[in-house]
Amino acid sequence: MAARIDVLVLGFANLVADGISMGFGDYVSSKSEKDVATRERRVIEWDVTNQRNPQVRELLQQYQALGMDESDANTVVSIFSKYKDILIDEKMVNEKATLPPDESEKPWKNGLVTFVSFLAFGCAPLLAFIVLHPFTKNDTLKFIGACVLSALALALLGIARAKIAGQNYAFSAVITVFNGVIAGAAAYFLGWALRNITGVED
């Protein structure tokens, strides 16, 4: 009994630790991406401010290289050149293949959402053991309950992903559950193999 409690405690501790790692990683990634975009924009802003005509000509050549005829390219660039911020953003996209920095984006929010989401979906298998514990001592039933809750959590994750990406809900849910099954099976059988190799007993 004590061993099972230890496993649950370690499971939750590992879940929180992984969640912190994932959340912090998302924060660092988002902040780095925003910092790079901000730096690139400053460079282009300096170029546009101090070398406006060459920058306008470069943008004109880029549009022509994309297949726009000279007259239309001149029209578009002449309009953009009236608005400094728009011209800078266009040059960022065309020259640096970088989207302008979104000032409303908060990297810490991205990290927090990742952390909370990781905990919410990751605790499903552990919750099954806790919820079912007062009703049964059968570990097989608890394991099945953990599998069912995990599948439901993965299906919800797939549906949420489909809603954001505009994809088919059912297909996304099935793919996400399938991915979870493969990952879970790999972890389970790896643990089973290591247990048998090392001769560890309950």
N, C-alpha and C. Protein backbone atom coordinates (compact mmCIF):
# COMPACT_ATOMS: atom_id res chain seq x y z
N MET A 1 0.83 -1.21 0.00
CA MET A 1 0.00 0.00 0.00
C MET A 1 0.87 1.26 0.00
N ALA A 2 1.88 1.23 0.88
CA ALA A 2 2.77 2.39 0.97
C ALA A 2 3.48 2.63 -0.35
N ALA A 3 3.84 1.52 -1.02
CA ALA A 3 4.54 1.65 -2.30
C ALA A 3 3.66 2.34 -3.33
N ARG A 4 2.33 1.99 -3.33
CA ARG A 4 1.42 2.60 -4.29
C ARG A 4 1.26 4.09 -4.01
N ILE A 5 1.18 4.45 -2.73
CA ILE A 5 1.09 5.87 -2.36
C ILE A 5 2.34 6.61 -2.82
N ASP A 6 3.48 5.97 -2.63
CA ASP A 6 4.74 6.59 -3.06
C ASP A 6 4.74 6.83 -4.56
N VAL A 7 4.20 5.87 -5.30
CA VAL A 7 4.15 6.01 -6.76
C VAL A 7 3.27 7.20 -7.15
N LEU A 8 2.12 7.34 -6.48
CA LEU A 8 1.23 8.46 -6.77
C LEU A 8 1.88 9.80 -6.43
N VAL A 9 2.53 9.84 -5.27
CA VAL A 9 3.21 11.07 -4.85
C VAL A 9 4.30 11.43 -5.85
N LEU A 10 5.09 10.44 -6.21
CA LEU A 10 6.16 10.69 -7.19
C LEU A 10 5.58 11.07 -8.55
N GLY A 11 4.43 10.46 -8.88
CA GLY A 11 3.78 10.78 -10.15
C GLY A 11 3.35 12.24 -10.21
N PHE A 12 2.71 12.71 -9.13
CA PHE A 12 2.29 14.11 -9.09
C PHE A 12 3.49 15.05 -9.04
N ALA A 13 4.50 14.67 -8.28
CA ALA A 13 5.70 15.50 -8.21
C ALA A 13 6.36 15.62 -9.58
N ASN A 14 6.43 14.51 -10.28
CA ASN A 14 7.02 14.51 -11.62
C ASN A 14 6.17 15.32 -12.59
N LEU A 15 4.84 15.22 -12.43
CA LEU A 15 3.93 15.97 -13.29
C LEU A 15 4.14 17.48 -13.11
N VAL A 16 4.23 17.91 -11.86
CA VAL A 16 4.44 19.34 -11.59
C VAL A 16 5.80 19.79 -12.11
N ALA A 17 6.82 18.98 -11.88
CA ALA A 17 8.16 19.33 -12.35
C ALA A 17 8.20 19.44 -13.87
N ASP A 18 7.57 18.47 -14.54
CA ASP A 18 7.52 18.51 -16.01
C ASP A 18 6.71 19.71 -16.49
N GLY A 19 5.63 20.02 -15.77
CA GLY A 19 4.80 21.17 -16.14
C GLY A 19 5.58 22.47 -16.04
N ILE A 20 6.35 22.60 -14.96
CA ILE A 20 7.19 23.79 -14.79
C ILE A 20 8.21 23.89 -15.92
N SER A 21 8.81 22.75 -16.24
CA SER A 21 9.80 22.73 -17.32
C SER A 21 9.17 23.11 -18.66
N MET A 22 8.01 22.55 -18.94
CA MET A 22 7.32 22.85 -20.20
C MET A 22 6.90 24.32 -20.25
N GLY A 23 6.34 24.80 -19.14
CA GLY A 23 5.89 26.19 -19.10
C GLY A 23 7.03 27.17 -19.25
N PHE A 24 8.12 26.90 -18.54
CA PHE A 24 9.28 27.79 -18.63
C PHE A 24 9.89 27.73 -20.03
N GLY A 25 9.90 26.53 -20.61
CA GLY A 25 10.42 26.40 -21.97
C GLY A 25 9.60 27.20 -22.96
N ASP A 26 8.28 27.16 -22.80
CA ASP A 26 7.40 27.94 -23.68
C ASP A 26 7.63 29.43 -23.49
N TYR A 27 7.81 29.84 -22.23
CA TYR A 27 8.07 31.25 -21.93
C TYR A 27 9.37 31.72 -22.60
N VAL A 28 10.42 30.93 -22.43
CA VAL A 28 11.72 31.30 -23.01
C VAL A 28 11.63 31.34 -24.53
N SER A 29 10.95 30.35 -25.12
CA SER A 29 10.81 30.30 -26.57
C SER A 29 10.04 31.50 -27.10
N SER A 30 8.91 31.80 -26.45
CA SER A 30 8.09 32.94 -26.89
C SER A 30 8.83 34.26 -26.73
N LYS A 31 9.53 34.40 -25.61
CA LYS A 31 10.25 35.65 -25.36
C LYS A 31 11.41 35.82 -26.35
N SER A 32 12.11 34.72 -26.62
CA SER A 32 13.22 34.79 -27.57
C SER A 32 12.72 35.16 -28.96
N GLU A 33 11.61 34.55 -29.36
CA GLU A 33 11.04 34.85 -30.68
C GLU A 33 10.62 36.32 -30.76
N LYS A 34 10.01 36.81 -29.69
CA LYS A 34 9.59 38.21 -29.68
C LYS A 34 10.79 39.15 -29.67
N ASP A 35 11.82 38.80 -28.91
CA ASP A 35 13.03 39.63 -28.84
C ASP A 35 13.73 39.70 -30.20
N VAL A 36 13.79 38.56 -30.89
CA VAL A 36 14.42 38.54 -32.21
C VAL A 36 13.64 39.41 -33.19
N ALA A 37 12.31 39.28 -33.17
CA ALA A 37 11.48 40.09 -34.06
C ALA A 37 11.62 41.58 -33.76
N THR A 38 11.70 41.91 -32.47
CA THR A 38 11.86 43.32 -32.08
C THR A 38 13.20 43.87 -32.55
N ARG A 39 14.25 43.06 -32.41
CA ARG A 39 15.57 43.50 -32.85
C ARG A 39 15.61 43.68 -34.37
N GLU A 40 15.03 42.73 -35.09
CA GLU A 40 15.01 42.84 -36.55
C GLU A 40 14.23 44.07 -37.00
N ARG A 41 13.16 44.36 -36.29
CA ARG A 41 12.35 45.52 -36.66
C ARG A 41 13.12 46.82 -36.44
N ARG A 42 13.90 46.87 -35.37
CA ARG A 42 14.70 48.06 -35.10
C ARG A 42 15.74 48.29 -36.19
N VAL A 43 16.34 47.19 -36.65
CA VAL A 43 17.35 47.30 -37.72
C VAL A 43 16.70 47.84 -39.00
N ILE A 44 15.56 47.25 -39.36
CA ILE A 44 14.87 47.69 -40.58
C ILE A 44 14.35 49.12 -40.42
N GLU A 45 13.90 49.46 -39.22
CA GLU A 45 13.43 50.82 -38.99
C GLU A 45 14.56 51.83 -39.20
N TRP A 46 15.76 51.48 -38.74
CA TRP A 46 16.91 52.36 -38.96
C TRP A 46 17.20 52.50 -40.45
N ASP A 47 17.15 51.37 -41.16
CA ASP A 47 17.41 51.40 -42.60
C ASP A 47 16.39 52.26 -43.33
N VAL A 48 15.12 52.10 -42.98
CA VAL A 48 14.07 52.86 -43.64
C VAL A 48 14.19 54.35 -43.32
N THR A 49 14.57 54.66 -42.09
CA THR A 49 14.69 56.06 -41.67
C THR A 49 15.89 56.74 -42.33
N ASN A 50 16.99 56.02 -42.43
CA ASN A 50 18.23 56.63 -42.90
C ASN A 50 18.57 56.32 -44.36
N GLN A 51 17.96 55.29 -44.91
CA GLN A 51 18.22 54.92 -46.31
C GLN A 51 16.90 54.57 -46.99
N ARG A 52 16.00 55.51 -46.96
CA ARG A 52 14.63 55.23 -47.40
C ARG A 52 14.55 54.83 -48.87
N ASN A 53 15.18 55.59 -49.74
CA ASN A 53 15.07 55.32 -51.17
C ASN A 53 15.61 53.94 -51.56
N PRO A 54 16.81 53.56 -51.09
CA PRO A 54 17.29 52.20 -51.41
C PRO A 54 16.36 51.11 -50.87
N GLN A 55 15.78 51.34 -49.70
CA GLN A 55 14.89 50.35 -49.11
C GLN A 55 13.61 50.21 -49.93
N VAL A 56 13.12 51.34 -50.42
CA VAL A 56 11.91 51.31 -51.26
C VAL A 56 12.20 50.58 -52.57
N ARG A 57 13.38 50.83 -53.14
CA ARG A 57 13.75 50.16 -54.39
C ARG A 57 13.88 48.64 -54.18
N GLU A 58 14.44 48.26 -53.05
CA GLU A 58 14.57 46.83 -52.75
C GLU A 58 13.20 46.16 -52.68
N LEU A 59 12.27 46.82 -52.02
CA LEU A 59 10.92 46.26 -51.89
C LEU A 59 10.26 46.17 -53.27
N LEU A 60 10.49 47.18 -54.10
CA LEU A 60 9.95 47.18 -55.46
C LEU A 60 10.50 45.99 -56.25
N GLN A 61 11.78 45.74 -56.13
CA GLN A 61 12.41 44.62 -56.84
C GLN A 61 11.88 43.28 -56.33
N GLN A 62 11.63 43.20 -55.04
CA GLN A 62 11.12 41.96 -54.46
C GLN A 62 9.72 41.64 -54.99
N TYR A 63 8.88 42.66 -55.09
CA TYR A 63 7.53 42.43 -55.61
C TYR A 63 7.58 42.03 -57.09
N GLN A 64 8.48 42.64 -57.83
CA GLN A 64 8.62 42.28 -59.24
C GLN A 64 9.13 40.85 -59.38
N ALA A 65 10.03 40.46 -58.47
CA ALA A 65 10.57 39.10 -58.51
C ALA A 65 9.48 38.07 -58.20
N LEU A 66 8.45 38.50 -57.47
CA LEU A 66 7.34 37.60 -57.15
C LEU A 66 6.34 37.49 -58.29
N GLY A 67 6.56 38.28 -59.36
CA GLY A 67 5.68 38.18 -60.53
C GLY A 67 4.79 39.38 -60.75
N MET A 68 4.90 40.40 -59.91
CA MET A 68 4.08 41.60 -60.06
C MET A 68 4.70 42.48 -61.14
N ASP A 69 3.85 43.00 -62.04
CA ASP A 69 4.43 43.84 -63.10
C ASP A 69 4.88 45.18 -62.51
N GLU A 70 5.71 45.88 -63.25
CA GLU A 70 6.37 47.08 -62.74
C GLU A 70 5.38 48.15 -62.32
N SER A 71 4.33 48.32 -63.09
CA SER A 71 3.35 49.36 -62.79
C SER A 71 2.64 49.09 -61.46
N ASP A 72 2.18 47.84 -61.31
CA ASP A 72 1.49 47.48 -60.06
C ASP A 72 2.44 47.54 -58.87
N ALA A 73 3.67 47.06 -59.08
CA ALA A 73 4.65 47.09 -58.00
C ALA A 73 4.92 48.52 -57.55
N ASN A 74 5.04 49.42 -58.52
CA ASN A 74 5.26 50.83 -58.18
C ASN A 74 4.08 51.41 -57.41
N THR A 75 2.88 51.02 -57.81
CA THR A 75 1.68 51.51 -57.13
C THR A 75 1.64 51.05 -55.67
N VAL A 76 1.89 49.74 -55.49
CA VAL A 76 1.85 49.18 -54.14
C VAL A 76 2.93 49.80 -53.26
N VAL A 77 4.15 49.87 -53.78
CA VAL A 77 5.26 50.39 -52.98
C VAL A 77 5.08 51.87 -52.69
N SER A 78 4.53 52.61 -53.64
CA SER A 78 4.32 54.04 -53.40
C SER A 78 3.30 54.27 -52.29
N ILE A 79 2.33 53.37 -52.21
CA ILE A 79 1.34 53.47 -51.12
C ILE A 79 1.98 53.10 -49.79
N PHE A 80 2.72 51.98 -49.77
CA PHE A 80 3.38 51.55 -48.54
C PHE A 80 4.38 52.59 -48.04
N SER A 81 5.07 53.23 -48.97
CA SER A 81 6.12 54.17 -48.58
C SER A 81 5.58 55.41 -47.87
N LYS A 82 4.27 55.63 -47.99
CA LYS A 82 3.66 56.77 -47.29
C LYS A 82 3.51 56.49 -45.79
N TYR A 83 3.52 55.21 -45.45
CA TYR A 83 3.28 54.80 -44.07
C TYR A 83 4.50 54.04 -43.56
N LYS A 84 5.26 54.69 -42.73
CA LYS A 84 6.54 54.13 -42.28
C LYS A 84 6.39 52.77 -41.61
N ASP A 85 5.45 52.66 -40.69
CA ASP A 85 5.29 51.40 -39.95
C ASP A 85 4.90 50.25 -40.87
N ILE A 86 4.01 50.54 -41.82
CA ILE A 86 3.59 49.50 -42.76
C ILE A 86 4.76 49.08 -43.64
N LEU A 87 5.54 50.06 -44.07
CA LEU A 87 6.71 49.77 -44.91
C LEU A 87 7.71 48.89 -44.15
N ILE A 88 7.93 49.21 -42.89
CA ILE A 88 8.86 48.42 -42.07
C ILE A 88 8.35 46.99 -41.92
N ASP A 89 7.06 46.85 -41.63
CA ASP A 89 6.49 45.51 -41.45
C ASP A 89 6.57 44.69 -42.73
N GLU A 90 6.31 45.34 -43.86
CA GLU A 90 6.39 44.64 -45.15
C GLU A 90 7.80 44.16 -45.43
N LYS A 91 8.78 45.00 -45.12
CA LYS A 91 10.17 44.62 -45.36
C LYS A 91 10.60 43.50 -44.41
N MET A 92 10.05 43.49 -43.21
CA MET A 92 10.35 42.39 -42.28
C MET A 92 9.88 41.06 -42.85
N VAL A 93 8.66 41.06 -43.37
CA VAL A 93 8.09 39.83 -43.91
C VAL A 93 8.83 39.40 -45.17
N ASN A 94 9.13 40.34 -46.05
CA ASN A 94 9.73 40.01 -47.34
C ASN A 94 11.22 39.72 -47.24
N GLU A 95 11.93 40.45 -46.40
CA GLU A 95 13.39 40.29 -46.32
C GLU A 95 13.82 39.29 -45.26
N LYS A 96 13.19 39.36 -44.11
CA LYS A 96 13.62 38.53 -42.98
C LYS A 96 12.73 37.31 -42.75
N ALA A 97 11.63 37.24 -43.51
CA ALA A 97 10.66 36.15 -43.31
C ALA A 97 10.25 36.07 -41.84
N THR A 98 10.09 37.24 -41.23
CA THR A 98 9.74 37.33 -39.82
C THR A 98 8.52 38.22 -39.65
N LEU A 99 7.56 37.73 -38.88
CA LEU A 99 6.39 38.55 -38.61
C LEU A 99 6.75 39.67 -37.63
N PRO A 100 6.13 40.82 -37.78
CA PRO A 100 6.39 41.91 -36.83
C PRO A 100 6.04 41.47 -35.41
N PRO A 101 6.76 41.98 -34.42
CA PRO A 101 6.48 41.59 -33.03
C PRO A 101 5.08 42.02 -32.61
N ASP A 102 4.40 41.12 -31.93
CA ASP A 102 3.06 41.41 -31.42
C ASP A 102 3.19 41.97 -30.01
N GLU A 103 2.96 43.26 -29.88
CA GLU A 103 3.15 43.90 -28.58
C GLU A 103 2.14 43.42 -27.54
N SER A 104 1.02 42.88 -28.01
CA SER A 104 0.01 42.40 -27.06
C SER A 104 0.35 41.01 -26.52
N GLU A 105 1.30 40.35 -27.16
CA GLU A 105 1.67 39.00 -26.72
C GLU A 105 2.50 39.06 -25.45
N LYS A 106 2.13 38.25 -24.48
CA LYS A 106 2.84 38.20 -23.21
C LYS A 106 3.45 36.80 -23.05
N PRO A 107 4.77 36.69 -23.17
CA PRO A 107 5.41 35.36 -23.05
C PRO A 107 5.07 34.64 -21.75
N TRP A 108 4.94 35.40 -20.66
CA TRP A 108 4.64 34.74 -19.39
C TRP A 108 3.26 34.09 -19.41
N LYS A 109 2.33 34.68 -20.17
CA LYS A 109 1.01 34.07 -20.29
C LYS A 109 1.09 32.75 -21.06
N ASN A 110 1.91 32.73 -22.11
CA ASN A 110 2.09 31.49 -22.86
C ASN A 110 2.64 30.39 -21.96
N GLY A 111 3.62 30.76 -21.15
CA GLY A 111 4.21 29.79 -20.23
C GLY A 111 3.21 29.30 -19.20
N LEU A 112 2.40 30.22 -18.68
CA LEU A 112 1.40 29.84 -17.67
C LEU A 112 0.34 28.92 -18.26
N VAL A 113 -0.12 29.25 -19.46
CA VAL A 113 -1.13 28.41 -20.12
C VAL A 113 -0.58 27.01 -20.38
N THR A 114 0.67 26.94 -20.82
CA THR A 114 1.30 25.64 -21.06
C THR A 114 1.39 24.84 -19.76
N PHE A 115 1.79 25.50 -18.69
CA PHE A 115 1.92 24.84 -17.39
C PHE A 115 0.58 24.29 -16.90
N VAL A 116 -0.44 25.15 -16.94
CA VAL A 116 -1.77 24.73 -16.46
C VAL A 116 -2.34 23.62 -17.34
N SER A 117 -2.19 23.77 -18.65
CA SER A 117 -2.70 22.75 -19.58
C SER A 117 -2.01 21.41 -19.35
N PHE A 118 -0.70 21.47 -19.15
CA PHE A 118 0.06 20.24 -18.92
C PHE A 118 -0.43 19.54 -17.66
N LEU A 119 -0.67 20.32 -16.60
CA LEU A 119 -1.17 19.72 -15.36
C LEU A 119 -2.57 19.17 -15.54
N ALA A 120 -3.43 19.94 -16.21
CA ALA A 120 -4.83 19.53 -16.37
C ALA A 120 -4.96 18.22 -17.13
N PHE A 121 -4.24 18.11 -18.24
CA PHE A 121 -4.34 16.90 -19.05
C PHE A 121 -3.45 15.78 -18.50
N GLY A 122 -2.34 16.15 -17.90
CA GLY A 122 -1.41 15.13 -17.42
C GLY A 122 -1.85 14.42 -16.16
N CYS A 123 -2.75 15.05 -15.39
CA CYS A 123 -3.16 14.43 -14.12
C CYS A 123 -4.26 13.39 -14.31
N ALA A 124 -4.79 13.25 -15.51
CA ALA A 124 -5.91 12.32 -15.75
C ALA A 124 -5.63 10.90 -15.27
N PRO A 125 -4.51 10.29 -15.66
CA PRO A 125 -4.28 8.90 -15.21
C PRO A 125 -4.08 8.79 -13.71
N LEU A 126 -3.49 9.80 -13.10
CA LEU A 126 -3.27 9.76 -11.65
C LEU A 126 -4.59 9.94 -10.89
N LEU A 127 -5.46 10.80 -11.42
CA LEU A 127 -6.75 11.04 -10.77
C LEU A 127 -7.60 9.77 -10.74
N ALA A 128 -7.46 8.96 -11.77
CA ALA A 128 -8.24 7.72 -11.83
C ALA A 128 -7.94 6.84 -10.62
N PHE A 129 -6.68 6.72 -10.26
CA PHE A 129 -6.30 5.90 -9.11
C PHE A 129 -6.84 6.49 -7.81
N ILE A 130 -6.83 7.82 -7.71
CA ILE A 130 -7.31 8.47 -6.49
C ILE A 130 -8.83 8.36 -6.37
N VAL A 131 -9.52 8.60 -7.48
CA VAL A 131 -10.99 8.56 -7.47
C VAL A 131 -11.51 7.15 -7.21
N LEU A 132 -10.86 6.17 -7.80
CA LEU A 132 -11.34 4.78 -7.68
C LEU A 132 -10.86 4.09 -6.41
N HIS A 133 -9.89 4.66 -5.73
CA HIS A 133 -9.32 4.01 -4.55
C HIS A 133 -10.35 3.68 -3.46
N PRO A 134 -11.29 4.61 -3.14
CA PRO A 134 -12.27 4.27 -2.09
C PRO A 134 -13.25 3.17 -2.49
N PHE A 135 -13.37 2.91 -3.79
CA PHE A 135 -14.39 1.97 -4.27
C PHE A 135 -13.84 0.58 -4.59
N THR A 136 -12.57 0.50 -4.88
CA THR A 136 -12.02 -0.80 -5.24
C THR A 136 -10.53 -0.86 -4.91
N LYS A 137 -10.10 -2.07 -4.58
CA LYS A 137 -8.67 -2.30 -4.34
C LYS A 137 -8.03 -2.99 -5.54
N ASN A 138 -8.85 -3.23 -6.54
CA ASN A 138 -8.37 -3.96 -7.72
C ASN A 138 -7.52 -3.03 -8.60
N ASP A 139 -6.24 -3.35 -8.69
CA ASP A 139 -5.33 -2.50 -9.47
C ASP A 139 -5.65 -2.53 -10.96
N THR A 140 -6.19 -3.65 -11.42
CA THR A 140 -6.54 -3.76 -12.84
C THR A 140 -7.64 -2.77 -13.20
N LEU A 141 -8.66 -2.67 -12.33
CA LEU A 141 -9.75 -1.72 -12.57
C LEU A 141 -9.23 -0.28 -12.54
N LYS A 142 -8.33 -0.02 -11.62
CA LYS A 142 -7.75 1.33 -11.54
C LYS A 142 -6.95 1.64 -12.80
N PHE A 143 -6.24 0.64 -13.28
CA PHE A 143 -5.45 0.83 -14.49
C PHE A 143 -6.35 1.11 -15.69
N ILE A 144 -7.45 0.35 -15.78
CA ILE A 144 -8.41 0.56 -16.87
C ILE A 144 -9.02 1.96 -16.75
N GLY A 145 -9.35 2.36 -15.52
CA GLY A 145 -9.89 3.70 -15.30
C GLY A 145 -8.91 4.78 -15.73
N ALA A 146 -7.64 4.56 -15.43
CA ALA A 146 -6.61 5.52 -15.82
C ALA A 146 -6.51 5.61 -17.34
N CYS A 147 -6.62 4.46 -18.00
CA CYS A 147 -6.57 4.45 -19.47
C CYS A 147 -7.76 5.20 -20.07
N VAL A 148 -8.94 4.97 -19.49
CA VAL A 148 -10.15 5.63 -20.00
C VAL A 148 -10.07 7.14 -19.81
N LEU A 149 -9.69 7.56 -18.61
CA LEU A 149 -9.57 9.00 -18.35
C LEU A 149 -8.50 9.64 -19.24
N SER A 150 -7.42 8.93 -19.43
CA SER A 150 -6.36 9.45 -20.30
C SER A 150 -6.86 9.61 -21.73
N ALA A 151 -7.61 8.61 -22.20
CA ALA A 151 -8.15 8.68 -23.56
C ALA A 151 -9.12 9.86 -23.70
N LEU A 152 -9.95 10.07 -22.68
CA LEU A 152 -10.89 11.19 -22.71
C LEU A 152 -10.14 12.53 -22.73
N ALA A 153 -9.10 12.62 -21.90
CA ALA A 153 -8.31 13.85 -21.87
C ALA A 153 -7.64 14.11 -23.21
N LEU A 154 -7.11 13.06 -23.82
CA LEU A 154 -6.47 13.20 -25.12
C LEU A 154 -7.48 13.57 -26.21
N ALA A 155 -8.67 12.98 -26.12
CA ALA A 155 -9.71 13.31 -27.10
C ALA A 155 -10.11 14.78 -26.99
N LEU A 156 -10.25 15.26 -25.75
CA LEU A 156 -10.57 16.68 -25.55
C LEU A 156 -9.46 17.57 -26.08
N LEU A 157 -8.22 17.14 -25.88
CA LEU A 157 -7.09 17.90 -26.40
C LEU A 157 -7.12 17.94 -27.93
N GLY A 158 -7.45 16.81 -28.53
CA GLY A 158 -7.55 16.75 -29.98
C GLY A 158 -8.66 17.64 -30.52
N ILE A 159 -9.79 17.66 -29.82
CA ILE A 159 -10.92 18.51 -30.23
C ILE A 159 -10.54 19.98 -30.11
N ALA A 160 -9.86 20.33 -29.02
CA ALA A 160 -9.43 21.72 -28.84
C ALA A 160 -8.46 22.12 -29.95
N ARG A 161 -7.56 21.21 -30.28
CA ARG A 161 -6.60 21.48 -31.36
C ARG A 161 -7.32 21.66 -32.69
N ALA A 162 -8.33 20.82 -32.94
CA ALA A 162 -9.08 20.91 -34.19
C ALA A 162 -9.84 22.22 -34.28
N LYS A 163 -10.38 22.66 -33.15
CA LYS A 163 -11.13 23.92 -33.15
C LYS A 163 -10.22 25.10 -33.48
N ILE A 164 -9.02 25.08 -32.92
CA ILE A 164 -8.07 26.17 -33.17
C ILE A 164 -7.57 26.14 -34.62
N ALA A 165 -7.28 24.93 -35.10
CA ALA A 165 -6.70 24.78 -36.45
C ALA A 165 -7.76 24.69 -37.54
N GLY A 166 -9.04 24.62 -37.16
CA GLY A 166 -10.10 24.51 -38.16
C GLY A 166 -10.12 23.17 -38.85
N GLN A 167 -9.81 22.10 -38.10
CA GLN A 167 -9.76 20.76 -38.67
C GLN A 167 -10.98 19.95 -38.24
N ASN A 168 -11.07 18.75 -38.78
CA ASN A 168 -12.17 17.85 -38.42
C ASN A 168 -12.00 17.38 -36.98
N TYR A 169 -13.04 17.56 -36.17
CA TYR A 169 -12.95 17.24 -34.75
C TYR A 169 -12.66 15.76 -34.50
N ALA A 170 -13.42 14.90 -35.16
CA ALA A 170 -13.28 13.46 -34.93
C ALA A 170 -11.90 12.97 -35.34
N PHE A 171 -11.45 13.40 -36.50
CA PHE A 171 -10.14 12.96 -36.99
C PHE A 171 -9.03 13.42 -36.05
N SER A 172 -9.10 14.67 -35.62
CA SER A 172 -8.07 15.20 -34.72
C SER A 172 -8.07 14.47 -33.39
N ALA A 173 -9.27 14.16 -32.88
CA ALA A 173 -9.37 13.44 -31.61
C ALA A 173 -8.77 12.04 -31.73
N VAL A 174 -9.09 11.36 -32.83
CA VAL A 174 -8.57 10.00 -33.04
C VAL A 174 -7.05 10.00 -33.15
N ILE A 175 -6.52 10.95 -33.91
CA ILE A 175 -5.07 11.03 -34.09
C ILE A 175 -4.37 11.32 -32.76
N THR A 176 -4.95 12.22 -31.97
CA THR A 176 -4.35 12.56 -30.68
C THR A 176 -4.38 11.38 -29.72
N VAL A 177 -5.52 10.68 -29.69
CA VAL A 177 -5.63 9.49 -28.83
C VAL A 177 -4.65 8.42 -29.29
N PHE A 178 -4.55 8.23 -30.60
CA PHE A 178 -3.63 7.23 -31.15
C PHE A 178 -2.19 7.55 -30.75
N ASN A 179 -1.84 8.82 -30.84
CA ASN A 179 -0.49 9.24 -30.44
C ASN A 179 -0.25 8.94 -28.96
N GLY A 180 -1.27 9.21 -28.14
CA GLY A 180 -1.14 8.92 -26.72
C GLY A 180 -1.02 7.44 -26.43
N VAL A 181 -1.78 6.63 -27.19
CA VAL A 181 -1.72 5.17 -27.01
C VAL A 181 -0.32 4.66 -27.33
N ILE A 182 0.25 5.13 -28.43
CA ILE A 182 1.59 4.70 -28.81
C ILE A 182 2.61 5.09 -27.75
N ALA A 183 2.53 6.35 -27.29
CA ALA A 183 3.47 6.82 -26.28
C ALA A 183 3.30 6.06 -24.96
N GLY A 184 2.04 5.87 -24.55
CA GLY A 184 1.77 5.16 -23.31
C GLY A 184 2.21 3.70 -23.38
N ALA A 185 1.94 3.06 -24.51
CA ALA A 185 2.33 1.67 -24.67
C ALA A 185 3.85 1.52 -24.65
N ALA A 186 4.53 2.46 -25.28
CA ALA A 186 6.00 2.41 -25.29
C ALA A 186 6.54 2.53 -23.87
N ALA A 187 5.98 3.47 -23.09
CA ALA A 187 6.43 3.66 -21.71
C ALA A 187 6.12 2.43 -20.86
N TYR A 188 4.91 1.87 -21.06
CA TYR A 188 4.49 0.71 -20.26
C TYR A 188 5.39 -0.50 -20.53
N PHE A 189 5.60 -0.80 -21.79
CA PHE A 189 6.39 -1.98 -22.13
C PHE A 189 7.87 -1.79 -21.83
N LEU A 190 8.33 -0.56 -21.90
CA LEU A 190 9.71 -0.30 -21.50
C LEU A 190 9.88 -0.55 -20.00
N GLY A 191 8.91 -0.06 -19.21
CA GLY A 191 8.95 -0.31 -17.77
C GLY A 191 8.85 -1.80 -17.46
N TRP A 192 7.96 -2.48 -18.18
CA TRP A 192 7.81 -3.93 -17.97
C TRP A 192 9.10 -4.67 -18.30
N ALA A 193 9.74 -4.27 -19.39
CA ALA A 193 10.98 -4.93 -19.80
C ALA A 193 12.09 -4.68 -18.78
N LEU A 194 12.22 -3.44 -18.34
CA LEU A 194 13.26 -3.12 -17.36
C LEU A 194 13.02 -3.84 -16.04
N ARG A 195 11.75 -3.95 -15.67
CA ARG A 195 11.42 -4.65 -14.43
C ARG A 195 11.84 -6.12 -14.50
N ASN A 196 11.59 -6.73 -15.64
CA ASN A 196 11.95 -8.14 -15.79
C ASN A 196 13.46 -8.33 -15.92
N ILE A 197 14.11 -7.38 -16.57
CA ILE A 197 15.56 -7.48 -16.73
C ILE A 197 16.27 -7.33 -15.39
N THR A 198 15.80 -6.37 -14.60
CA THR A 198 16.46 -6.11 -13.31
C THR A 198 15.96 -7.03 -12.20
N GLY A 199 14.84 -7.71 -12.46
CA GLY A 199 14.31 -8.63 -11.46
C GLY A 199 13.64 -7.94 -10.29
N VAL A 200 13.13 -6.71 -10.50
CA VAL A 200 12.46 -5.97 -9.43
C VAL A 200 11.09 -6.58 -9.17
N GLU A 201 10.76 -6.77 -7.92
CA GLU A 201 9.45 -7.32 -7.53
C GLU A 201 8.67 -6.27 -6.75
N ASP A 202 7.33 -6.49 -6.64
CA ASP A 202 6.48 -5.58 -5.85
C ASP A 202 6.90 -5.62 -4.39
